[in-house]
Amino acid sequence: MRLWGPGHKGGLKLRPTSDRAREALFNILRPEVLRGALVLDLFAGTGALGLEALSRGAREAVFVDGSTLALGLIKKNIAQCGFSERTRVLRRDLLKGRFFLSSSGLGGPFNLLLMDPPYRQQICHRLLPELSAAGLIAPAGLVVCEESQDEELPEEVPGLRVFDQRRYGDTGFWFYRQGLEAESLPISD
């Protein structure tokens, strides 16, 4: 896995989200979105997205995945990147819905939520309203859903509205936000 933030390049060569797509995602996000942010990385896999956020100035990241193998990889990658003091790793079955949200002690609210679920299973469709209803998203918080580029995610769910979408190869990113009316958008063109 390679991180693109200053001083954190190199490391393992694991590629859950392609390097190109991950770098593009974090180049789109304005630095003020990441600076001091509390990040929730759902379906974390290897932790690449949350680790990239930390390498670019996020204060803390919580990594959540249901796979024991994934949790081992996340912990190893956190240690290799030197972020152990700024992270928590939790095993939760994210497909169980509200149970994991209400009883998990995730913390929050989070400034940035990153979701990279298995493609083509409509998981983002199902979890977006639950994340909003659970109060896990900070006011003006940003949610980024990664999905197959040929998927269509909802433009609006209760409490969240999509304001941008980007496609990179087979990967699509959908950007959701609360409170769009009064705030400037948190991404670069």
N, C-alpha and C. Protein backbone atom coordinates (compact mmCIF):
# COMPACT_ATOMS: atom_id res chain seq x y z
N MET A 1 0.85 -1.16 0.00
CA MET A 1 0.00 0.00 0.00
C MET A 1 0.90 1.22 0.00
N ARG A 2 0.54 2.20 -0.81
CA ARG A 2 1.28 3.46 -0.85
C ARG A 2 0.38 4.59 -0.39
N LEU A 3 0.91 5.44 0.48
CA LEU A 3 0.21 6.65 0.89
C LEU A 3 0.79 7.80 0.10
N TRP A 4 -0.05 8.77 -0.22
CA TRP A 4 0.37 9.88 -1.07
C TRP A 4 0.58 11.17 -0.30
N GLY A 5 0.21 11.20 0.98
CA GLY A 5 0.40 12.40 1.79
C GLY A 5 1.87 12.66 2.05
N PRO A 6 2.23 13.90 2.37
CA PRO A 6 3.63 14.26 2.60
C PRO A 6 4.27 13.38 3.67
N GLY A 7 5.43 12.83 3.37
CA GLY A 7 6.19 12.06 4.33
C GLY A 7 5.70 10.65 4.57
N HIS A 8 4.74 10.16 3.79
CA HIS A 8 4.21 8.83 4.02
C HIS A 8 4.13 8.01 2.74
N LYS A 9 5.08 8.17 1.85
CA LYS A 9 5.06 7.39 0.62
C LYS A 9 5.84 6.10 0.83
N GLY A 10 5.42 5.05 0.17
CA GLY A 10 6.10 3.76 0.27
C GLY A 10 5.27 2.79 1.09
N GLY A 11 5.80 1.60 1.35
CA GLY A 11 5.10 0.61 2.17
C GLY A 11 4.67 -0.58 1.37
N LEU A 12 3.70 -1.31 1.90
CA LEU A 12 3.21 -2.52 1.25
C LEU A 12 2.53 -2.21 -0.07
N LYS A 13 2.48 -3.20 -0.93
CA LYS A 13 1.89 -3.02 -2.25
C LYS A 13 0.48 -3.63 -2.32
N LEU A 14 -0.36 -3.37 -1.35
CA LEU A 14 -1.74 -3.83 -1.39
C LEU A 14 -2.59 -2.78 -2.06
N ARG A 15 -3.53 -3.21 -2.93
CA ARG A 15 -4.29 -2.21 -3.69
C ARG A 15 -5.79 -2.50 -3.65
N PRO A 16 -6.45 -2.26 -2.54
CA PRO A 16 -7.90 -2.46 -2.50
C PRO A 16 -8.63 -1.45 -3.37
N THR A 17 -8.42 -0.17 -3.14
CA THR A 17 -8.86 0.88 -4.04
C THR A 17 -7.61 1.20 -4.84
N SER A 18 -7.73 1.30 -6.14
CA SER A 18 -6.51 1.51 -6.93
C SER A 18 -5.78 2.76 -6.46
N ASP A 19 -4.46 2.73 -6.60
CA ASP A 19 -3.66 3.90 -6.23
C ASP A 19 -4.17 5.15 -6.94
N ARG A 20 -4.48 5.00 -8.22
CA ARG A 20 -4.94 6.15 -9.02
C ARG A 20 -6.23 6.72 -8.46
N ALA A 21 -7.19 5.85 -8.16
CA ALA A 21 -8.48 6.32 -7.64
C ALA A 21 -8.32 6.93 -6.25
N ARG A 22 -7.53 6.30 -5.38
CA ARG A 22 -7.34 6.84 -4.03
C ARG A 22 -6.63 8.19 -4.07
N GLU A 23 -5.59 8.29 -4.88
CA GLU A 23 -4.89 9.57 -4.99
C GLU A 23 -5.82 10.65 -5.53
N ALA A 24 -6.62 10.29 -6.54
CA ALA A 24 -7.57 11.25 -7.11
C ALA A 24 -8.58 11.70 -6.05
N LEU A 25 -9.10 10.76 -5.28
CA LEU A 25 -10.07 11.10 -4.23
C LEU A 25 -9.48 12.11 -3.26
N PHE A 26 -8.29 11.85 -2.79
CA PHE A 26 -7.71 12.74 -1.78
C PHE A 26 -7.18 14.04 -2.37
N ASN A 27 -6.92 14.06 -3.66
CA ASN A 27 -6.58 15.33 -4.31
C ASN A 27 -7.83 16.20 -4.50
N ILE A 28 -8.99 15.55 -4.59
CA ILE A 28 -10.26 16.28 -4.74
C ILE A 28 -10.65 16.96 -3.42
N LEU A 29 -10.44 16.25 -2.31
CA LEU A 29 -10.83 16.80 -1.01
C LEU A 29 -9.93 17.97 -0.65
N ARG A 30 -10.54 19.05 -0.26
CA ARG A 30 -9.76 20.23 0.15
C ARG A 30 -9.03 19.93 1.45
N PRO A 31 -7.85 20.52 1.64
CA PRO A 31 -7.09 20.26 2.88
C PRO A 31 -7.88 20.55 4.15
N GLU A 32 -8.75 21.55 4.13
CA GLU A 32 -9.50 21.87 5.34
C GLU A 32 -10.50 20.78 5.73
N VAL A 33 -10.89 19.92 4.78
CA VAL A 33 -11.76 18.79 5.10
C VAL A 33 -10.99 17.79 5.96
N LEU A 34 -9.73 17.60 5.65
CA LEU A 34 -8.93 16.58 6.34
C LEU A 34 -8.24 17.10 7.60
N ARG A 35 -7.87 18.35 7.62
CA ARG A 35 -7.11 18.90 8.74
C ARG A 35 -7.90 18.79 10.03
N GLY A 36 -7.40 17.98 10.97
CA GLY A 36 -8.03 17.82 12.27
C GLY A 36 -9.30 17.00 12.26
N ALA A 37 -9.61 16.32 11.17
CA ALA A 37 -10.87 15.59 11.03
C ALA A 37 -10.88 14.31 11.85
N LEU A 38 -12.07 13.95 12.29
CA LEU A 38 -12.34 12.64 12.86
C LEU A 38 -12.95 11.83 11.73
N VAL A 39 -12.29 10.71 11.38
CA VAL A 39 -12.63 9.93 10.18
C VAL A 39 -13.17 8.56 10.57
N LEU A 40 -14.22 8.13 9.90
CA LEU A 40 -14.76 6.79 10.05
C LEU A 40 -14.60 6.07 8.72
N ASP A 41 -13.83 4.98 8.71
CA ASP A 41 -13.57 4.19 7.51
C ASP A 41 -14.35 2.88 7.63
N LEU A 42 -15.48 2.80 6.92
CA LEU A 42 -16.35 1.62 6.96
C LEU A 42 -16.01 0.68 5.81
N PHE A 43 -16.09 -0.63 6.07
CA PHE A 43 -15.63 -1.64 5.12
C PHE A 43 -14.16 -1.34 4.81
N ALA A 44 -13.39 -1.17 5.86
CA ALA A 44 -12.04 -0.62 5.76
C ALA A 44 -11.06 -1.49 4.98
N GLY A 45 -11.27 -2.80 4.91
CA GLY A 45 -10.38 -3.65 4.11
C GLY A 45 -8.96 -3.65 4.63
N THR A 46 -8.08 -2.93 3.99
CA THR A 46 -6.69 -2.80 4.44
C THR A 46 -6.47 -1.50 5.22
N GLY A 47 -7.48 -0.64 5.25
CA GLY A 47 -7.35 0.64 5.93
C GLY A 47 -6.77 1.74 5.06
N ALA A 48 -6.62 1.48 3.77
CA ALA A 48 -5.94 2.43 2.88
C ALA A 48 -6.58 3.82 2.88
N LEU A 49 -7.91 3.89 2.86
CA LEU A 49 -8.55 5.20 2.79
C LEU A 49 -8.37 5.98 4.09
N GLY A 50 -8.61 5.33 5.22
CA GLY A 50 -8.43 6.01 6.50
C GLY A 50 -6.98 6.40 6.76
N LEU A 51 -6.05 5.54 6.36
CA LEU A 51 -4.63 5.86 6.53
C LEU A 51 -4.22 7.03 5.65
N GLU A 52 -4.77 7.08 4.45
CA GLU A 52 -4.47 8.22 3.58
C GLU A 52 -4.99 9.51 4.21
N ALA A 53 -6.18 9.45 4.81
CA ALA A 53 -6.72 10.63 5.49
C ALA A 53 -5.80 11.07 6.63
N LEU A 54 -5.31 10.12 7.41
CA LEU A 54 -4.38 10.45 8.49
C LEU A 54 -3.09 11.06 7.95
N SER A 55 -2.60 10.53 6.85
CA SER A 55 -1.34 11.04 6.28
C SER A 55 -1.49 12.47 5.77
N ARG A 56 -2.75 12.89 5.56
CA ARG A 56 -3.01 14.23 5.04
C ARG A 56 -3.60 15.16 6.10
N GLY A 57 -3.48 14.79 7.36
CA GLY A 57 -3.82 15.74 8.41
C GLY A 57 -5.01 15.41 9.29
N ALA A 58 -5.71 14.29 9.05
CA ALA A 58 -6.81 13.92 9.94
C ALA A 58 -6.27 13.68 11.34
N ARG A 59 -7.08 14.01 12.33
CA ARG A 59 -6.68 13.87 13.73
C ARG A 59 -6.72 12.42 14.19
N GLU A 60 -7.80 11.72 13.83
CA GLU A 60 -8.02 10.36 14.31
C GLU A 60 -8.87 9.62 13.29
N ALA A 61 -8.69 8.28 13.23
CA ALA A 61 -9.51 7.46 12.34
C ALA A 61 -9.98 6.22 13.08
N VAL A 62 -11.22 5.86 12.82
CA VAL A 62 -11.80 4.62 13.33
C VAL A 62 -12.04 3.73 12.12
N PHE A 63 -11.46 2.53 12.16
CA PHE A 63 -11.56 1.57 11.06
C PHE A 63 -12.52 0.47 11.47
N VAL A 64 -13.49 0.16 10.61
CA VAL A 64 -14.49 -0.85 10.92
C VAL A 64 -14.57 -1.83 9.76
N ASP A 65 -14.49 -3.12 10.09
CA ASP A 65 -14.65 -4.16 9.09
C ASP A 65 -15.13 -5.42 9.81
N GLY A 66 -15.78 -6.31 9.08
CA GLY A 66 -16.29 -7.54 9.66
C GLY A 66 -15.37 -8.73 9.51
N SER A 67 -14.30 -8.58 8.78
CA SER A 67 -13.40 -9.69 8.47
C SER A 67 -12.20 -9.71 9.41
N THR A 68 -11.94 -10.86 10.01
CA THR A 68 -10.76 -11.01 10.86
C THR A 68 -9.49 -10.80 10.06
N LEU A 69 -9.45 -11.31 8.84
CA LEU A 69 -8.28 -11.12 7.98
C LEU A 69 -8.06 -9.63 7.71
N ALA A 70 -9.12 -8.92 7.38
CA ALA A 70 -9.01 -7.48 7.12
C ALA A 70 -8.51 -6.74 8.35
N LEU A 71 -9.02 -7.09 9.52
CA LEU A 71 -8.59 -6.41 10.75
C LEU A 71 -7.10 -6.60 11.00
N GLY A 72 -6.59 -7.80 10.71
CA GLY A 72 -5.16 -8.05 10.85
C GLY A 72 -4.35 -7.18 9.91
N LEU A 73 -4.81 -7.06 8.66
CA LEU A 73 -4.12 -6.21 7.68
C LEU A 73 -4.16 -4.74 8.09
N ILE A 74 -5.31 -4.30 8.57
CA ILE A 74 -5.45 -2.91 9.01
C ILE A 74 -4.47 -2.61 10.14
N LYS A 75 -4.43 -3.47 11.15
CA LYS A 75 -3.54 -3.25 12.29
C LYS A 75 -2.08 -3.24 11.85
N LYS A 76 -1.72 -4.14 10.95
CA LYS A 76 -0.34 -4.19 10.44
C LYS A 76 0.00 -2.90 9.70
N ASN A 77 -0.91 -2.45 8.85
CA ASN A 77 -0.68 -1.22 8.07
C ASN A 77 -0.62 0.01 8.97
N ILE A 78 -1.46 0.05 9.99
CA ILE A 78 -1.42 1.17 10.95
C ILE A 78 -0.05 1.23 11.62
N ALA A 79 0.43 0.08 12.07
CA ALA A 79 1.73 0.04 12.75
C ALA A 79 2.85 0.46 11.80
N GLN A 80 2.81 -0.02 10.55
CA GLN A 80 3.85 0.33 9.59
C GLN A 80 3.85 1.82 9.26
N CYS A 81 2.69 2.43 9.31
CA CYS A 81 2.59 3.87 9.01
C CYS A 81 2.84 4.74 10.24
N GLY A 82 2.90 4.12 11.42
CA GLY A 82 3.17 4.88 12.64
C GLY A 82 1.98 5.66 13.17
N PHE A 83 0.76 5.15 12.95
CA PHE A 83 -0.44 5.87 13.37
C PHE A 83 -1.18 5.19 14.52
N SER A 84 -0.53 4.31 15.26
CA SER A 84 -1.22 3.53 16.30
C SER A 84 -1.91 4.41 17.34
N GLU A 85 -1.32 5.53 17.69
CA GLU A 85 -1.88 6.40 18.72
C GLU A 85 -3.11 7.18 18.24
N ARG A 86 -3.35 7.19 16.95
CA ARG A 86 -4.44 8.00 16.39
C ARG A 86 -5.54 7.16 15.76
N THR A 87 -5.60 5.87 16.12
CA THR A 87 -6.56 4.98 15.46
C THR A 87 -7.25 4.06 16.45
N ARG A 88 -8.42 3.60 16.02
CA ARG A 88 -9.13 2.49 16.68
C ARG A 88 -9.58 1.55 15.57
N VAL A 89 -9.53 0.26 15.84
CA VAL A 89 -9.93 -0.76 14.88
C VAL A 89 -11.02 -1.60 15.53
N LEU A 90 -12.18 -1.67 14.86
CA LEU A 90 -13.33 -2.38 15.42
C LEU A 90 -13.84 -3.43 14.45
N ARG A 91 -14.19 -4.59 15.00
CA ARG A 91 -14.83 -5.62 14.18
C ARG A 91 -16.34 -5.48 14.36
N ARG A 92 -17.01 -5.21 13.26
CA ARG A 92 -18.47 -5.09 13.25
C ARG A 92 -18.99 -5.63 11.93
N ASP A 93 -20.10 -6.36 12.00
CA ASP A 93 -20.75 -6.80 10.77
C ASP A 93 -21.60 -5.64 10.28
N LEU A 94 -21.08 -4.93 9.31
CA LEU A 94 -21.73 -3.72 8.81
C LEU A 94 -23.02 -4.01 8.06
N LEU A 95 -23.24 -5.24 7.70
CA LEU A 95 -24.46 -5.58 6.97
C LEU A 95 -25.64 -5.83 7.90
N LYS A 96 -25.41 -5.78 9.21
CA LYS A 96 -26.51 -5.97 10.16
C LYS A 96 -27.30 -4.70 10.40
N GLY A 97 -26.87 -3.60 9.82
CA GLY A 97 -27.65 -2.36 9.89
C GLY A 97 -27.60 -1.67 11.23
N ARG A 98 -28.74 -1.20 11.69
CA ARG A 98 -28.82 -0.32 12.85
C ARG A 98 -28.17 -0.90 14.11
N PHE A 99 -28.15 -2.21 14.24
CA PHE A 99 -27.55 -2.79 15.44
C PHE A 99 -26.11 -2.33 15.61
N PHE A 100 -25.34 -2.38 14.54
CA PHE A 100 -23.94 -1.98 14.67
C PHE A 100 -23.83 -0.48 14.92
N LEU A 101 -24.76 0.29 14.43
CA LEU A 101 -24.69 1.74 14.61
C LEU A 101 -25.05 2.14 16.04
N SER A 102 -26.07 1.52 16.60
CA SER A 102 -26.55 1.96 17.90
C SER A 102 -25.78 1.35 19.06
N SER A 103 -25.15 0.21 18.86
CA SER A 103 -24.56 -0.49 20.00
C SER A 103 -23.04 -0.62 19.92
N SER A 104 -22.42 0.04 18.99
CA SER A 104 -21.01 -0.25 18.75
C SER A 104 -20.03 0.66 19.45
N GLY A 105 -20.46 1.79 19.97
CA GLY A 105 -19.51 2.71 20.59
C GLY A 105 -18.50 3.26 19.62
N LEU A 106 -18.95 3.59 18.42
CA LEU A 106 -18.03 4.10 17.40
C LEU A 106 -17.45 5.46 17.75
N GLY A 107 -18.19 6.25 18.51
CA GLY A 107 -17.76 7.61 18.78
C GLY A 107 -18.39 8.55 17.78
N GLY A 108 -17.70 9.63 17.51
CA GLY A 108 -18.23 10.60 16.57
C GLY A 108 -18.87 11.75 17.30
N PRO A 109 -19.53 12.63 16.61
CA PRO A 109 -19.80 12.53 15.17
C PRO A 109 -18.53 12.74 14.35
N PHE A 110 -18.56 12.18 13.14
CA PHE A 110 -17.40 12.17 12.27
C PHE A 110 -17.49 13.26 11.21
N ASN A 111 -16.35 13.89 10.94
CA ASN A 111 -16.28 14.91 9.89
C ASN A 111 -16.23 14.29 8.50
N LEU A 112 -15.63 13.10 8.41
CA LEU A 112 -15.47 12.42 7.12
C LEU A 112 -15.76 10.94 7.31
N LEU A 113 -16.73 10.44 6.55
CA LEU A 113 -17.04 9.01 6.55
C LEU A 113 -16.69 8.47 5.18
N LEU A 114 -15.91 7.40 5.16
CA LEU A 114 -15.49 6.76 3.92
C LEU A 114 -16.09 5.37 3.89
N MET A 115 -16.82 5.06 2.82
CA MET A 115 -17.44 3.73 2.69
C MET A 115 -16.98 3.09 1.40
N ASP A 116 -16.39 1.89 1.52
CA ASP A 116 -15.95 1.12 0.36
C ASP A 116 -16.48 -0.31 0.49
N PRO A 117 -17.81 -0.48 0.39
CA PRO A 117 -18.38 -1.82 0.55
C PRO A 117 -18.16 -2.66 -0.70
N PRO A 118 -18.45 -3.97 -0.60
CA PRO A 118 -18.40 -4.80 -1.81
C PRO A 118 -19.29 -4.19 -2.90
N TYR A 119 -18.79 -4.17 -4.11
CA TYR A 119 -19.51 -3.56 -5.23
C TYR A 119 -20.78 -4.33 -5.58
N ARG A 120 -21.71 -3.60 -6.17
CA ARG A 120 -22.93 -4.13 -6.79
C ARG A 120 -23.84 -4.90 -5.82
N GLN A 121 -23.86 -4.48 -4.56
CA GLN A 121 -24.76 -5.12 -3.60
C GLN A 121 -25.71 -4.12 -2.96
N GLN A 122 -25.71 -2.89 -3.44
CA GLN A 122 -26.60 -1.83 -2.97
C GLN A 122 -26.45 -1.55 -1.47
N ILE A 123 -25.24 -1.73 -0.97
CA ILE A 123 -24.99 -1.52 0.46
C ILE A 123 -25.03 -0.03 0.80
N CYS A 124 -24.44 0.80 -0.04
CA CYS A 124 -24.49 2.25 0.22
C CYS A 124 -25.94 2.73 0.26
N HIS A 125 -26.77 2.23 -0.64
CA HIS A 125 -28.19 2.60 -0.66
C HIS A 125 -28.81 2.38 0.72
N ARG A 126 -28.48 1.25 1.31
CA ARG A 126 -29.09 0.85 2.57
C ARG A 126 -28.49 1.59 3.78
N LEU A 127 -27.17 1.78 3.78
CA LEU A 127 -26.52 2.33 4.96
C LEU A 127 -26.54 3.85 5.06
N LEU A 128 -26.61 4.56 3.95
CA LEU A 128 -26.58 6.02 4.00
C LEU A 128 -27.66 6.60 4.92
N PRO A 129 -28.94 6.20 4.78
CA PRO A 129 -29.95 6.76 5.67
C PRO A 129 -29.72 6.38 7.13
N GLU A 130 -29.20 5.17 7.36
CA GLU A 130 -28.95 4.72 8.73
C GLU A 130 -27.82 5.51 9.37
N LEU A 131 -26.77 5.81 8.61
CA LEU A 131 -25.66 6.61 9.13
C LEU A 131 -26.14 8.00 9.52
N SER A 132 -26.97 8.58 8.68
CA SER A 132 -27.50 9.91 8.95
C SER A 132 -28.39 9.89 10.19
N ALA A 133 -29.29 8.91 10.28
CA ALA A 133 -30.22 8.82 11.41
C ALA A 133 -29.51 8.52 12.73
N ALA A 134 -28.38 7.84 12.68
CA ALA A 134 -27.65 7.47 13.89
C ALA A 134 -26.85 8.62 14.49
N GLY A 135 -26.80 9.76 13.80
CA GLY A 135 -26.06 10.91 14.32
C GLY A 135 -24.55 10.76 14.24
N LEU A 136 -24.07 9.92 13.35
CA LEU A 136 -22.63 9.71 13.21
C LEU A 136 -21.95 10.77 12.36
N ILE A 137 -22.73 11.59 11.66
CA ILE A 137 -22.16 12.58 10.74
C ILE A 137 -22.23 13.95 11.41
N ALA A 138 -21.08 14.61 11.51
CA ALA A 138 -21.01 15.95 12.09
C ALA A 138 -21.77 16.94 11.21
N PRO A 139 -22.22 18.07 11.78
CA PRO A 139 -22.83 19.10 10.94
C PRO A 139 -21.86 19.46 9.81
N ALA A 140 -22.36 19.54 8.62
CA ALA A 140 -21.57 19.78 7.41
C ALA A 140 -20.56 18.66 7.15
N GLY A 141 -20.77 17.50 7.77
CA GLY A 141 -19.89 16.36 7.54
C GLY A 141 -20.01 15.84 6.12
N LEU A 142 -18.97 15.18 5.69
CA LEU A 142 -18.86 14.67 4.32
C LEU A 142 -18.85 13.15 4.35
N VAL A 143 -19.64 12.54 3.47
CA VAL A 143 -19.65 11.09 3.31
C VAL A 143 -19.23 10.79 1.88
N VAL A 144 -18.25 9.91 1.73
CA VAL A 144 -17.79 9.49 0.41
C VAL A 144 -18.08 8.00 0.27
N CYS A 145 -18.89 7.66 -0.73
CA CYS A 145 -19.20 6.27 -1.02
C CYS A 145 -18.45 5.84 -2.27
N GLU A 146 -17.72 4.74 -2.14
CA GLU A 146 -17.06 4.16 -3.31
C GLU A 146 -17.90 2.97 -3.76
N GLU A 147 -18.12 2.91 -5.05
CA GLU A 147 -18.95 1.85 -5.63
C GLU A 147 -18.49 1.64 -7.06
N SER A 148 -18.97 0.60 -7.68
CA SER A 148 -18.69 0.38 -9.10
C SER A 148 -19.14 1.60 -9.89
N GLN A 149 -18.35 2.03 -10.85
CA GLN A 149 -18.66 3.25 -11.60
C GLN A 149 -19.97 3.14 -12.37
N ASP A 150 -20.44 1.93 -12.63
CA ASP A 150 -21.70 1.80 -13.38
C ASP A 150 -22.93 1.74 -12.47
N GLU A 151 -22.73 1.84 -11.17
CA GLU A 151 -23.85 1.91 -10.23
C GLU A 151 -24.45 3.31 -10.23
N GLU A 152 -25.67 3.42 -9.81
CA GLU A 152 -26.31 4.72 -9.60
C GLU A 152 -26.77 4.78 -8.16
N LEU A 153 -26.19 5.69 -7.41
CA LEU A 153 -26.58 5.87 -6.02
C LEU A 153 -27.63 6.98 -5.94
N PRO A 154 -28.43 6.99 -4.87
CA PRO A 154 -29.49 8.01 -4.77
C PRO A 154 -28.91 9.42 -4.67
N GLU A 155 -29.60 10.36 -5.28
CA GLU A 155 -29.20 11.77 -5.21
C GLU A 155 -29.40 12.33 -3.81
N GLU A 156 -30.38 11.81 -3.11
CA GLU A 156 -30.71 12.33 -1.79
C GLU A 156 -31.25 11.21 -0.93
N VAL A 157 -30.84 11.21 0.32
CA VAL A 157 -31.42 10.34 1.35
C VAL A 157 -31.72 11.25 2.53
N PRO A 158 -32.57 10.84 3.46
CA PRO A 158 -32.87 11.72 4.58
C PRO A 158 -31.60 12.21 5.28
N GLY A 159 -31.42 13.52 5.29
CA GLY A 159 -30.29 14.13 5.95
C GLY A 159 -29.04 14.32 5.10
N LEU A 160 -29.00 13.76 3.91
CA LEU A 160 -27.81 13.85 3.06
C LEU A 160 -28.21 14.09 1.61
N ARG A 161 -27.36 14.84 0.92
CA ARG A 161 -27.59 15.06 -0.51
C ARG A 161 -26.27 14.94 -1.25
N VAL A 162 -26.32 14.25 -2.39
CA VAL A 162 -25.11 14.12 -3.21
C VAL A 162 -24.83 15.46 -3.87
N PHE A 163 -23.57 15.87 -3.88
CA PHE A 163 -23.22 17.12 -4.55
C PHE A 163 -22.17 16.94 -5.63
N ASP A 164 -21.61 15.74 -5.73
CA ASP A 164 -20.63 15.49 -6.79
C ASP A 164 -20.47 13.99 -6.96
N GLN A 165 -20.03 13.62 -8.14
CA GLN A 165 -19.70 12.24 -8.43
C GLN A 165 -18.51 12.24 -9.37
N ARG A 166 -17.56 11.33 -9.12
CA ARG A 166 -16.38 11.20 -9.98
C ARG A 166 -16.18 9.73 -10.32
N ARG A 167 -15.65 9.49 -11.52
CA ARG A 167 -15.39 8.12 -11.97
C ARG A 167 -13.94 7.98 -12.39
N TYR A 168 -13.33 6.88 -11.95
CA TYR A 168 -11.94 6.57 -12.27
C TYR A 168 -11.86 5.09 -12.62
N GLY A 169 -11.76 4.78 -13.91
CA GLY A 169 -11.75 3.38 -14.32
C GLY A 169 -13.04 2.71 -13.89
N ASP A 170 -12.93 1.63 -13.14
CA ASP A 170 -14.10 0.89 -12.66
C ASP A 170 -14.68 1.46 -11.37
N THR A 171 -14.05 2.48 -10.83
CA THR A 171 -14.43 3.01 -9.53
C THR A 171 -15.20 4.31 -9.66
N GLY A 172 -16.27 4.42 -8.88
CA GLY A 172 -17.01 5.67 -8.78
C GLY A 172 -17.02 6.16 -7.35
N PHE A 173 -16.93 7.47 -7.16
CA PHE A 173 -17.04 8.08 -5.84
C PHE A 173 -18.25 9.01 -5.85
N TRP A 174 -19.11 8.87 -4.83
CA TRP A 174 -20.24 9.76 -4.64
C TRP A 174 -19.99 10.55 -3.36
N PHE A 175 -20.15 11.86 -3.44
CA PHE A 175 -19.89 12.76 -2.32
C PHE A 175 -21.22 13.28 -1.78
N TYR A 176 -21.49 13.01 -0.51
CA TYR A 176 -22.72 13.44 0.16
C TYR A 176 -22.36 14.41 1.27
N ARG A 177 -23.30 15.32 1.55
CA ARG A 177 -23.05 16.30 2.60
C ARG A 177 -24.36 16.73 3.23
N GLN A 178 -24.29 17.08 4.51
CA GLN A 178 -25.39 17.74 5.19
C GLN A 178 -25.16 19.24 5.07
N GLY A 179 -26.19 20.02 5.14
CA GLY A 179 -26.05 21.48 5.21
C GLY A 179 -25.40 22.10 3.99
N LEU A 180 -25.80 21.69 2.80
CA LEU A 180 -25.20 22.22 1.57
C LEU A 180 -25.56 23.67 1.30
N GLU A 181 -26.70 24.11 1.81
CA GLU A 181 -27.20 25.42 1.43
C GLU A 181 -26.24 26.56 1.80
N ALA A 182 -25.75 26.55 3.03
CA ALA A 182 -25.01 27.71 3.52
C ALA A 182 -23.50 27.58 3.37
N GLU A 183 -23.02 26.44 2.99
CA GLU A 183 -21.57 26.21 3.01
C GLU A 183 -21.04 26.03 1.60
N SER A 184 -19.77 26.39 1.43
CA SER A 184 -19.13 26.10 0.15
C SER A 184 -18.81 24.62 0.10
N LEU A 185 -18.70 24.10 -1.08
CA LEU A 185 -18.45 22.68 -1.25
C LEU A 185 -17.01 22.35 -0.86
N PRO A 186 -16.81 21.19 -0.21
CA PRO A 186 -15.51 20.85 0.37
C PRO A 186 -14.56 20.13 -0.58
N ILE A 187 -14.72 20.34 -1.88
CA ILE A 187 -13.85 19.64 -2.82
C ILE A 187 -13.28 20.61 -3.82
N SER A 188 -12.25 20.16 -4.51
CA SER A 188 -11.65 20.94 -5.58
C SER A 188 -12.22 20.49 -6.91
N ASP A 189 -12.21 21.38 -7.88
CA ASP A 189 -12.71 21.03 -9.22
C ASP A 189 -11.75 20.13 -9.95
